[in-house]
Protein backbone atom coordinates (compact mmCIF):
# COMPACT_ATOMS: atom_id res chain seq x y z
CA UNK A 1 -82.65 18.91 125.48
CA UNK A 2 -79.64 17.26 127.16
CA UNK A 3 -79.36 13.54 127.83
CA UNK A 4 -76.87 11.94 130.24
CA UNK A 5 -75.65 8.34 130.27
CA UNK A 6 -73.58 7.06 133.19
CA UNK A 7 -71.25 4.10 133.50
CA UNK A 8 -68.53 2.74 135.76
CA UNK A 9 -70.37 1.81 138.93
CA UNK A 10 -69.86 -1.50 140.66
CA UNK A 11 -68.72 -3.36 143.75
CA UNK A 12 -65.34 -2.59 145.27
CA UNK A 13 -63.57 -3.29 148.55
CA UNK A 14 -62.78 -0.53 151.02
CA UNK A 15 -59.63 1.29 149.99
CA UNK A 16 -60.19 0.55 146.32
CA UNK A 17 -60.93 2.84 143.39
CA UNK A 18 -63.56 3.37 140.72
CA UNK A 19 -63.99 5.85 137.90
CA UNK A 20 -67.45 6.95 136.87
CA UNK A 21 -68.17 8.38 133.43
CA UNK A 22 -71.06 10.52 132.23
CA UNK A 23 -71.54 11.20 128.53
CA UNK A 24 -73.76 14.11 127.53
CA UNK A 25 -75.62 14.43 124.25
CA UNK A 26 -78.09 16.84 122.70
CA UNK A 27 -77.68 20.58 123.25
CA UNK A 28 -74.37 20.15 125.06
CA UNK A 29 -73.07 23.55 123.98
CA UNK A 30 -75.51 25.14 126.40
CA UNK A 31 -74.23 23.31 129.50
CA UNK A 32 -72.52 25.64 131.98
CA UNK A 33 -71.87 23.18 134.82
CA UNK A 34 -71.87 19.45 135.47
CA UNK A 35 -71.59 17.45 138.63
CA UNK A 36 -72.08 14.27 140.58
CA UNK A 37 -74.60 13.68 143.33
CA UNK A 38 -75.29 10.58 145.41
CA UNK A 39 -78.13 9.16 147.42
CA UNK A 40 -77.84 6.42 150.03
CA UNK A 41 -80.87 4.50 151.33
CA UNK A 42 -82.85 6.61 153.79
CA UNK A 43 -80.86 9.76 153.06
CA UNK A 44 -81.33 12.85 150.92
CA UNK A 45 -79.49 13.27 147.67
CA UNK A 46 -76.26 15.16 148.31
CA UNK A 47 -73.72 16.96 146.18
CA UNK A 48 -70.43 15.13 145.66
CA UNK A 49 -68.54 17.32 143.18
CA UNK A 50 -69.15 19.91 140.48
CA UNK A 51 -67.17 21.42 137.63
CA UNK A 52 -68.10 24.60 135.77
CA UNK A 53 -67.59 25.46 132.12
CA UNK A 54 -64.64 27.56 133.27
CA UNK A 55 -63.04 24.61 135.05
CA UNK A 56 -63.80 25.60 138.63
CA UNK A 57 -64.39 22.59 140.90
CA UNK A 58 -66.21 22.09 144.16
CA UNK A 59 -66.28 19.05 146.48
CA UNK A 60 -68.21 17.85 149.46
CA UNK A 61 -66.05 17.84 152.59
CA UNK A 62 -66.52 14.09 152.93
CA UNK A 63 -64.75 13.37 149.62
CA UNK A 64 -62.08 16.08 149.48
CA UNK A 65 -58.67 14.60 148.84
CA UNK A 66 -60.14 11.29 147.67
CA UNK A 67 -62.36 12.13 144.69
CA UNK A 68 -61.48 14.13 141.57
CA UNK A 69 -63.92 15.49 139.00
CA UNK A 70 -62.70 16.17 135.48
CA UNK A 71 -64.05 16.63 131.98
CA UNK A 72 -63.21 15.96 128.35
CA UNK A 73 -64.92 18.67 126.34
CA UNK A 74 -64.20 16.98 123.01
CA UNK A 75 -66.12 13.91 124.18
CA UNK A 76 -68.76 15.86 126.15
CA UNK A 77 -67.93 13.60 129.07
CA UNK A 78 -67.37 14.23 132.77
CA UNK A 79 -65.57 11.79 135.07
CA UNK A 80 -65.42 11.13 138.78
CA UNK A 81 -62.26 9.38 139.94
CA UNK A 82 -62.94 7.84 143.35
CA UNK A 83 -59.97 6.67 145.41
CA UNK A 84 -59.63 5.35 148.96
CA UNK A 85 -63.27 4.34 148.92
CA UNK A 86 -65.08 3.82 152.21
CA UNK A 87 -68.24 1.86 153.02
CA UNK A 88 -70.01 5.17 153.67
CA UNK A 89 -69.48 6.05 150.00
CA UNK A 90 -72.01 3.36 149.09
CA UNK A 91 -74.86 5.04 147.20
CA UNK A 92 -76.48 5.53 143.84
CA UNK A 93 -74.44 8.15 142.01
CA UNK A 94 -76.19 10.54 139.62
CA UNK A 95 -74.70 12.75 136.94
CA UNK A 96 -76.14 16.26 136.60
CA UNK A 97 -75.92 18.94 133.93
CA UNK A 98 -77.06 22.54 134.29
CA UNK A 99 -78.02 24.72 131.37
CA UNK A 100 -81.16 26.81 130.90
CA UNK A 101 -82.85 23.69 132.26
CA UNK A 102 -81.39 20.75 134.21
CA UNK A 103 -80.69 17.13 133.25
CA UNK A 104 -80.06 14.01 135.33
CA UNK A 105 -78.57 10.66 134.50
CA UNK A 106 -80.24 7.38 135.36
CA UNK A 107 -77.92 6.68 138.28
CA UNK A 108 -75.26 4.04 138.80
CA UNK A 109 -74.81 1.93 141.93
CA UNK A 110 -71.53 2.11 143.84
CA UNK A 111 -71.13 -0.42 146.64
CA UNK A 112 -68.08 -0.42 148.90
CA UNK A 113 -67.62 -3.49 151.07
CA UNK A 114 -65.62 -3.71 154.28
């Protein structure tokens, strides 16, 4: 089993920055990819960014050049650095881990005001 705990969400003005953290515990050695997803009211959950065990990254077109996903393997933690935030980035952000199964964090609210 893998458990994920997120932190770092909050309220920020447009153009500002936030860094989200996701700490994994349990059978972390079996994780082969982690990522961030988000869901805004009335919309489907969408992929934001992913990072594989080999370090390969992938980003949604809407966040390319503004967001950066990274990891600290020693701490079993993945980060999402969010810069130049826009009101349309407002959503609940969820951490995800893929292994033989799949784990999700509880979600953290990010609100960007104009």
